[in-house]
Each structure stands twice: as structure tokens, then as C-alpha cells.
Amino acid sequence: MNEPHYVAWVRERQRAARRLSGWLSQRRAKPDLDHEERVDAQTLVWAQRHAHEQRLHDSAIEQLRHS
């Protein structure tokens, strides 16, 4: 009974993550930045995306434990 709800939740989180990652990439990438700043911006975007994915993973594991 909880499984369809969980699948819908996971899919919505994935869609939100894709939208956010595209937005963050556009916000961080500016053509007038020098190479070091671009690398820093890309690293920041990667770290934010990785942290978000980790939170989703942890949340999914908790959801499975409680169902």
C-alpha cells in the first residue's frame, strides 16, 4: 500500500533534483569568470548535488525501515 506512494515520492524528488541542478549550473557558470573561479563554482555545484542525493538516499532508507 505504501509502495506506490513511495515510488511517486522518489520520482518527484528526482524531478526536483534535475530542475535544481540545471538551475544551479546556470547560476554558477558565468563566462566572465577565470578558470579557478569556474572550477570552484563547478565544485560547489557538485558538492550541493552530492549532498542532496545523499539526503534523498538517507530519506529513502528511513522510509523503507519504517514501512
PDB file of N, CA and C in Angstrom:
ATOM      1  N   MET A   1       0.814  -1.185   0.000  1.00  0.00           N
ATOM      2  CA  MET A   1       0.000   0.000   0.000  1.00  0.00           C
ATOM      3  C   MET A   1       0.868   1.264   0.000  1.00  0.00           C
ATOM      4  N   ASN A   2       1.958   1.266   0.744  1.00  0.00           N
ATOM      5  CA  ASN A   2       2.845   2.420   0.793  1.00  0.00           C
ATOM      6  C   ASN A   2       3.768   2.505  -0.406  1.00  0.00           C
ATOM      7  N   GLU A   3       3.958   1.394  -1.097  1.00  0.00           N
ATOM      8  CA  GLU A   3       4.919   1.369  -2.200  1.00  0.00           C
ATOM      9  C   GLU A   3       4.582   2.344  -3.329  1.00  0.00           C
ATOM     10  N   PRO A   4       3.349   2.419  -3.844  1.00  0.00           N
ATOM     11  CA  PRO A   4       3.075   3.403  -4.903  1.00  0.00           C
ATOM     12  C   PRO A   4       3.324   4.833  -4.435  1.00  0.00           C
ATOM     13  N   HIS A   5       2.986   5.114  -3.184  1.00  0.00           N
ATOM     14  CA  HIS A   5       3.224   6.448  -2.644  1.00  0.00           C
ATOM     15  C   HIS A   5       4.731   6.733  -2.599  1.00  0.00           C
ATOM     16  N   TYR A   6       5.507   5.745  -2.175  1.00  0.00           N
ATOM     17  CA  TYR A   6       6.953   5.895  -2.098  1.00  0.00           C
ATOM     18  C   TYR A   6       7.560   6.104  -3.485  1.00  0.00           C
ATOM     19  N   VAL A   7       7.128   5.339  -4.475  1.00  0.00           N
ATOM     20  CA  VAL A   7       7.641   5.479  -5.837  1.00  0.00           C
ATOM     21  C   VAL A   7       7.321   6.868  -6.385  1.00  0.00           C
ATOM     22  N   ALA A   8       6.115   7.340  -6.143  1.00  0.00           N
ATOM     23  CA  ALA A   8       5.741   8.684  -6.592  1.00  0.00           C
ATOM     24  C   ALA A   8       6.604   9.730  -5.902  1.00  0.00           C
ATOM     25  N   TRP A   9       6.858   9.543  -4.623  1.00  0.00           N
ATOM     26  CA  TRP A   9       7.685  10.469  -3.876  1.00  0.00           C
ATOM     27  C   TRP A   9       9.103  10.508  -4.439  1.00  0.00           C
ATOM     28  N   VAL A  10       9.677   9.325  -4.712  1.00  0.00           N
ATOM     29  CA  VAL A  10      11.037   9.244  -5.254  1.00  0.00           C
ATOM     30  C   VAL A  10      11.098   9.918  -6.623  1.00  0.00           C
ATOM     31  N   ARG A  11      10.124   9.670  -7.465  1.00  0.00           N
ATOM     32  CA  ARG A  11      10.123  10.279  -8.806  1.00  0.00           C
ATOM     33  C   ARG A  11      10.023  11.806  -8.721  1.00  0.00           C
ATOM     34  N   GLU A  12       9.203  12.295  -7.837  1.00  0.00           N
ATOM     35  CA  GLU A  12       9.078  13.745  -7.669  1.00  0.00           C
ATOM     36  C   GLU A  12      10.387  14.348  -7.168  1.00  0.00           C
ATOM     37  N   ARG A  13      11.046  13.670  -6.239  1.00  0.00           N
ATOM     38  CA  ARG A  13      12.338  14.149  -5.736  1.00  0.00           C
ATOM     39  C   ARG A  13      13.385  14.161  -6.843  1.00  0.00           C
ATOM     40  N   GLN A  14      13.361  13.142  -7.716  1.00  0.00           N
ATOM     41  CA  GLN A  14      14.306  13.098  -8.829  1.00  0.00           C
ATOM     42  C   GLN A  14      14.052  14.250  -9.801  1.00  0.00           C
ATOM     43  N   ARG A  15      12.783  14.516 -10.098  1.00  0.00           N
ATOM     44  CA  ARG A  15      12.453  15.645 -10.979  1.00  0.00           C
ATOM     45  C   ARG A  15      12.917  16.962 -10.369  1.00  0.00           C
ATOM     46  N   ALA A  16      12.681  17.126  -9.090  1.00  0.00           N
ATOM     47  CA  ALA A  16      13.098  18.354  -8.413  1.00  0.00           C
ATOM     48  C   ALA A  16      14.623  18.497  -8.429  1.00  0.00           C
ATOM     49  N   ALA A  17      15.320  17.392  -8.233  1.00  0.00           N
ATOM     50  CA  ALA A  17      16.785  17.432  -8.249  1.00  0.00           C
ATOM     51  C   ALA A  17      17.304  17.820  -9.625  1.00  0.00           C
ATOM     52  N   ARG A  18      16.678  17.284 -10.684  1.00  0.00           N
ATOM     53  CA  ARG A  18      17.106  17.636 -12.044  1.00  0.00           C
ATOM     54  C   ARG A  18      16.864  19.112 -12.315  1.00  0.00           C
ATOM     55  N   ARG A  19      15.707  19.616 -11.887  1.00  0.00           N
ATOM     56  CA  ARG A  19      15.426  21.036 -12.087  1.00  0.00           C
ATOM     57  C   ARG A  19      16.414  21.903 -11.324  1.00  0.00           C
ATOM     58  N   LEU A  20      16.698  21.538 -10.086  1.00  0.00           N
ATOM     59  CA  LEU A  20      17.616  22.311  -9.258  1.00  0.00           C
ATOM     60  C   LEU A  20      19.034  22.262  -9.805  1.00  0.00           C
ATOM     61  N   SER A  21      19.477  21.103 -10.250  1.00  0.00           N
ATOM     62  CA  SER A  21      20.850  21.008 -10.746  1.00  0.00           C
ATOM     63  C   SER A  21      21.038  21.865 -11.991  1.00  0.00           C
ATOM     64  N   GLY A  22      20.055  21.904 -12.869  1.00  0.00           N
ATOM     65  CA  GLY A  22      20.146  22.759 -14.050  1.00  0.00           C
ATOM     66  C   GLY A  22      20.182  24.221 -13.670  1.00  0.00           C
ATOM     67  N   TRP A  23      19.359  24.606 -12.717  1.00  0.00           N
ATOM     68  CA  TRP A  23      19.321  25.988 -12.267  1.00  0.00           C
ATOM     69  C   TRP A  23      20.646  26.375 -11.612  1.00  0.00           C
ATOM     70  N   LEU A  24      21.182  25.484 -10.760  1.00  0.00           N
ATOM     71  CA  LEU A  24      22.442  25.780 -10.092  1.00  0.00           C
ATOM     72  C   LEU A  24      23.581  25.904 -11.102  1.00  0.00           C
ATOM     73  N   SER A  25      23.602  25.053 -12.090  1.00  0.00           N
ATOM     74  CA  SER A  25      24.649  25.117 -13.112  1.00  0.00           C
ATOM     75  C   SER A  25      24.605  26.458 -13.835  1.00  0.00           C
ATOM     76  N   GLN A  26      23.425  26.909 -14.179  1.00  0.00           N
ATOM     77  CA  GLN A  26      23.298  28.183 -14.872  1.00  0.00           C
ATOM     78  C   GLN A  26      23.682  29.352 -13.962  1.00  0.00           C
ATOM     79  N   ARG A  27      23.322  29.265 -12.694  1.00  0.00           N
ATOM     80  CA  ARG A  27      23.634  30.352 -11.762  1.00  0.00           C
ATOM     81  C   ARG A  27      25.124  30.439 -11.485  1.00  0.00           C
ATOM     82  N   ARG A  28      25.806  29.308 -11.456  1.00  0.00           N
ATOM     83  CA  ARG A  28      27.217  29.280 -11.095  1.00  0.00           C
ATOM     84  C   ARG A  28      28.144  29.521 -12.277  1.00  0.00           C
ATOM     85  N   ALA A  29      27.733  29.154 -13.468  1.00  0.00           N
ATOM     86  CA  ALA A  29      28.602  29.258 -14.642  1.00  0.00           C
ATOM     87  C   ALA A  29      28.426  30.627 -15.291  1.00  0.00           C
ATOM     88  N   LYS A  30      29.461  31.429 -15.218  1.00  0.00           N
ATOM     89  CA  LYS A  30      29.429  32.750 -15.839  1.00  0.00           C
ATOM     90  C   LYS A  30      30.629  32.853 -16.779  1.00  0.00           C
ATOM     91  N   PRO A  31      30.426  33.333 -17.991  1.00  0.00           N
ATOM     92  CA  PRO A  31      31.515  33.357 -18.952  1.00  0.00           C
ATOM     93  C   PRO A  31      32.661  34.289 -18.583  1.00  0.00           C
ATOM     94  N   ASP A  32      32.441  35.270 -17.703  1.00  0.00           N
ATOM     95  CA  ASP A  32      33.497  36.213 -17.373  1.00  0.00           C
ATOM     96  C   ASP A  32      34.372  35.760 -16.210  1.00  0.00           C
ATOM     97  N   LEU A  33      34.118  34.580 -15.641  1.00  0.00           N
ATOM     98  CA  LEU A  33      34.942  34.082 -14.547  1.00  0.00           C
ATOM     99  C   LEU A  33      36.237  33.486 -15.096  1.00  0.00           C
ATOM    100  N   ASP A  34      37.313  33.619 -14.330  1.00  0.00           N
ATOM    101  CA  ASP A  34      38.540  32.969 -14.769  1.00  0.00           C
ATOM    102  C   ASP A  34      38.462  31.481 -14.440  1.00  0.00           C
ATOM    103  N   HIS A  35      39.478  30.742 -14.851  1.00  0.00           N
ATOM    104  CA  HIS A  35      39.450  29.275 -14.742  1.00  0.00           C
ATOM    105  C   HIS A  35      39.272  28.806 -13.296  1.00  0.00           C
ATOM    106  N   GLU A  36      40.012  29.392 -12.361  1.00  0.00           N
ATOM    107  CA  GLU A  36      39.913  28.962 -10.964  1.00  0.00           C
ATOM    108  C   GLU A  36      38.507  29.154 -10.406  1.00  0.00           C
ATOM    109  N   GLU A  37      37.902  30.276 -10.712  1.00  0.00           N
ATOM    110  CA  GLU A  37      36.543  30.534 -10.220  1.00  0.00           C
ATOM    111  C   GLU A  37      35.541  29.571 -10.841  1.00  0.00           C
ATOM    112  N   ARG A  38      35.733  29.225 -12.120  1.00  0.00           N
ATOM    113  CA  ARG A  38      34.832  28.257 -12.756  1.00  0.00           C
ATOM    114  C   ARG A  38      34.952  26.892 -12.098  1.00  0.00           C
ATOM    115  N   VAL A  39      36.190  26.490 -11.807  1.00  0.00           N
ATOM    116  CA  VAL A  39      36.406  25.202 -11.142  1.00  0.00           C
ATOM    117  C   VAL A  39      35.766  25.226  -9.760  1.00  0.00           C
ATOM    118  N   ASP A  40      35.944  26.321  -9.032  1.00  0.00           N
ATOM    119  CA  ASP A  40      35.331  26.441  -7.705  1.00  0.00           C
ATOM    120  C   ASP A  40      33.807  26.361  -7.797  1.00  0.00           C
ATOM    121  N   ALA A  41      33.230  27.038  -8.771  1.00  0.00           N
ATOM    122  CA  ALA A  41      31.779  27.030  -8.940  1.00  0.00           C
ATOM    123  C   ALA A  41      31.290  25.633  -9.288  1.00  0.00           C
ATOM    124  N   GLN A  42      31.992  24.947 -10.166  1.00  0.00           N
ATOM    125  CA  GLN A  42      31.606  23.591 -10.538  1.00  0.00           C
ATOM    126  C   GLN A  42      31.718  22.653  -9.343  1.00  0.00           C
ATOM    127  N   THR A  43      32.762  22.835  -8.550  1.00  0.00           N
ATOM    128  CA  THR A  43      32.937  22.010  -7.351  1.00  0.00           C
ATOM    129  C   THR A  43      31.806  22.253  -6.362  1.00  0.00           C
ATOM    130  N   LEU A  44      31.431  23.514  -6.202  1.00  0.00           N
ATOM    131  CA  LEU A  44      30.319  23.848  -5.311  1.00  0.00           C
ATOM    132  C   LEU A  44      29.017  23.205  -5.786  1.00  0.00           C
ATOM    133  N   VAL A  45      28.742  23.292  -7.074  1.00  0.00           N
ATOM    134  CA  VAL A  45      27.529  22.685  -7.620  1.00  0.00           C
ATOM    135  C   VAL A  45      27.558  21.178  -7.406  1.00  0.00           C
ATOM    136  N   TRP A  46      28.704  20.552  -7.669  1.00  0.00           N
ATOM    137  CA  TRP A  46      28.813  19.110  -7.479  1.00  0.00           C
ATOM    138  C   TRP A  46      28.569  18.754  -6.003  1.00  0.00           C
ATOM    139  N   ALA A  47      29.171  19.505  -5.089  1.00  0.00           N
ATOM    140  CA  ALA A  47      29.019  19.219  -3.661  1.00  0.00           C
ATOM    141  C   ALA A  47      27.563  19.370  -3.223  1.00  0.00           C
ATOM    142  N   GLN A  48      26.901  20.409  -3.712  1.00  0.00           N
ATOM    143  CA  GLN A  48      25.487  20.589  -3.356  1.00  0.00           C
ATOM    144  C   GLN A  48      24.642  19.450  -3.911  1.00  0.00           C
ATOM    145  N   ARG A  49      24.904  19.055  -5.147  1.00  0.00           N
ATOM    146  CA  ARG A  49      24.151  17.960  -5.762  1.00  0.00           C
ATOM    147  C   ARG A  49      24.408  16.652  -5.013  1.00  0.00           C
ATOM    148  N   HIS A  50      25.661  16.408  -4.667  1.00  0.00           N
ATOM    149  CA  HIS A  50      26.011  15.181  -3.954  1.00  0.00           C
ATOM    150  C   HIS A  50      25.342  15.146  -2.573  1.00  0.00           C
ATOM    151  N   ALA A  51      25.357  16.267  -1.874  1.00  0.00           N
ATOM    152  CA  ALA A  51      24.712  16.328  -0.555  1.00  0.00           C
ATOM    153  C   ALA A  51      23.214  16.089  -0.676  1.00  0.00           C
ATOM    154  N   HIS A  52      22.606  16.647  -1.715  1.00  0.00           N
ATOM    155  CA  HIS A  52      21.171  16.447  -1.932  1.00  0.00           C
ATOM    156  C   HIS A  52      20.875  14.975  -2.217  1.00  0.00           C
ATOM    157  N   GLU A  53      21.690  14.358  -3.067  1.00  0.00           N
ATOM    158  CA  GLU A  53      21.498  12.938  -3.369  1.00  0.00           C
ATOM    159  C   GLU A  53      21.655  12.095  -2.109  1.00  0.00           C
ATOM    160  N   GLN A  54      22.618  12.446  -1.262  1.00  0.00           N
ATOM    161  CA  GLN A  54      22.817  11.702  -0.022  1.00  0.00           C
ATOM    162  C   GLN A  54      21.609  11.844   0.903  1.00  0.00           C
ATOM    163  N   ARG A  55      21.051  13.052   0.992  1.00  0.00           N
ATOM    164  CA  ARG A  55      19.845  13.241   1.811  1.00  0.00           C
ATOM    165  C   ARG A  55      18.680  12.416   1.271  1.00  0.00           C
ATOM    166  N   LEU A  56      18.534  12.385  -0.065  1.00  0.00           N
ATOM    167  CA  LEU A  56      17.470  11.570  -0.654  1.00  0.00           C
ATOM    168  C   LEU A  56      17.674  10.097  -0.337  1.00  0.00           C
ATOM    169  N   HIS A  57      18.904   9.639  -0.449  1.00  0.00           N
ATOM    170  CA  HIS A  57      19.217   8.243  -0.156  1.00  0.00           C
ATOM    171  C   HIS A  57      18.888   7.921   1.295  1.00  0.00           C
ATOM    172  N   ASP A  58      19.350   8.771   2.205  1.00  0.00           N
ATOM    173  CA  ASP A  58      19.087   8.545   3.633  1.00  0.00           C
ATOM    174  C   ASP A  58      17.589   8.549   3.922  1.00  0.00           C
ATOM    175  N   SER A  59      16.874   9.461   3.290  1.00  0.00           N
ATOM    176  CA  SER A  59      15.433   9.538   3.479  1.00  0.00           C
ATOM    177  C   SER A  59      14.741   8.284   2.951  1.00  0.00           C
ATOM    178  N   ALA A  60      15.192   7.803   1.810  1.00  0.00           N
ATOM    179  CA  ALA A  60      14.597   6.583   1.239  1.00  0.00           C
ATOM    180  C   ALA A  60      14.852   5.389   2.142  1.00  0.00           C
ATOM    181  N   ILE A  61      16.049   5.288   2.688  1.00  0.00           N
ATOM    182  CA  ILE A  61      16.362   4.181   3.598  1.00  0.00           C
ATOM    183  C   ILE A  61      15.476   4.267   4.844  1.00  0.00           C
ATOM    184  N   GLU A  62      15.315   5.457   5.391  1.00  0.00           N
ATOM    185  CA  GLU A  62      14.437   5.618   6.550  1.00  0.00           C
ATOM    186  C   GLU A  62      12.995   5.239   6.200  1.00  0.00           C
ATOM    187  N   GLN A  63      12.551   5.629   5.017  1.00  0.00           N
ATOM    188  CA  GLN A  63      11.196   5.294   4.587  1.00  0.00           C
ATOM    189  C   GLN A  63      11.008   3.776   4.518  1.00  0.00           C
ATOM    190  N   LEU A  64      12.004   3.096   3.982  1.00  0.00           N
ATOM    191  CA  LEU A  64      11.931   1.639   3.879  1.00  0.00           C
ATOM    192  C   LEU A  64      11.953   0.990   5.269  1.00  0.00           C
ATOM    193  N   ARG A  65      12.710   1.534   6.169  1.00  0.00           N
ATOM    194  CA  ARG A  65      12.783   0.967   7.528  1.00  0.00           C
ATOM    195  C   ARG A  65      11.457   1.116   8.275  1.00  0.00           C
ATOM    196  N   HIS A  66      10.732   2.183   8.002  1.00  0.00           N
ATOM    197  CA  HIS A  66       9.503   2.443   8.726  1.00  0.00           C
ATOM    198  C   HIS A  66       8.257   1.899   8.041  1.00  0.00           C
ATOM    199  N   SER A  67       8.428   1.296   6.871  1.00  0.00           N
ATOM    200  CA  SER A  67       7.235   0.774   6.190  1.00  0.00           C
ATOM    201  C   SER A  67       7.082  -0.704   6.392  1.00  0.00           C
TER     202      SER A  67
END
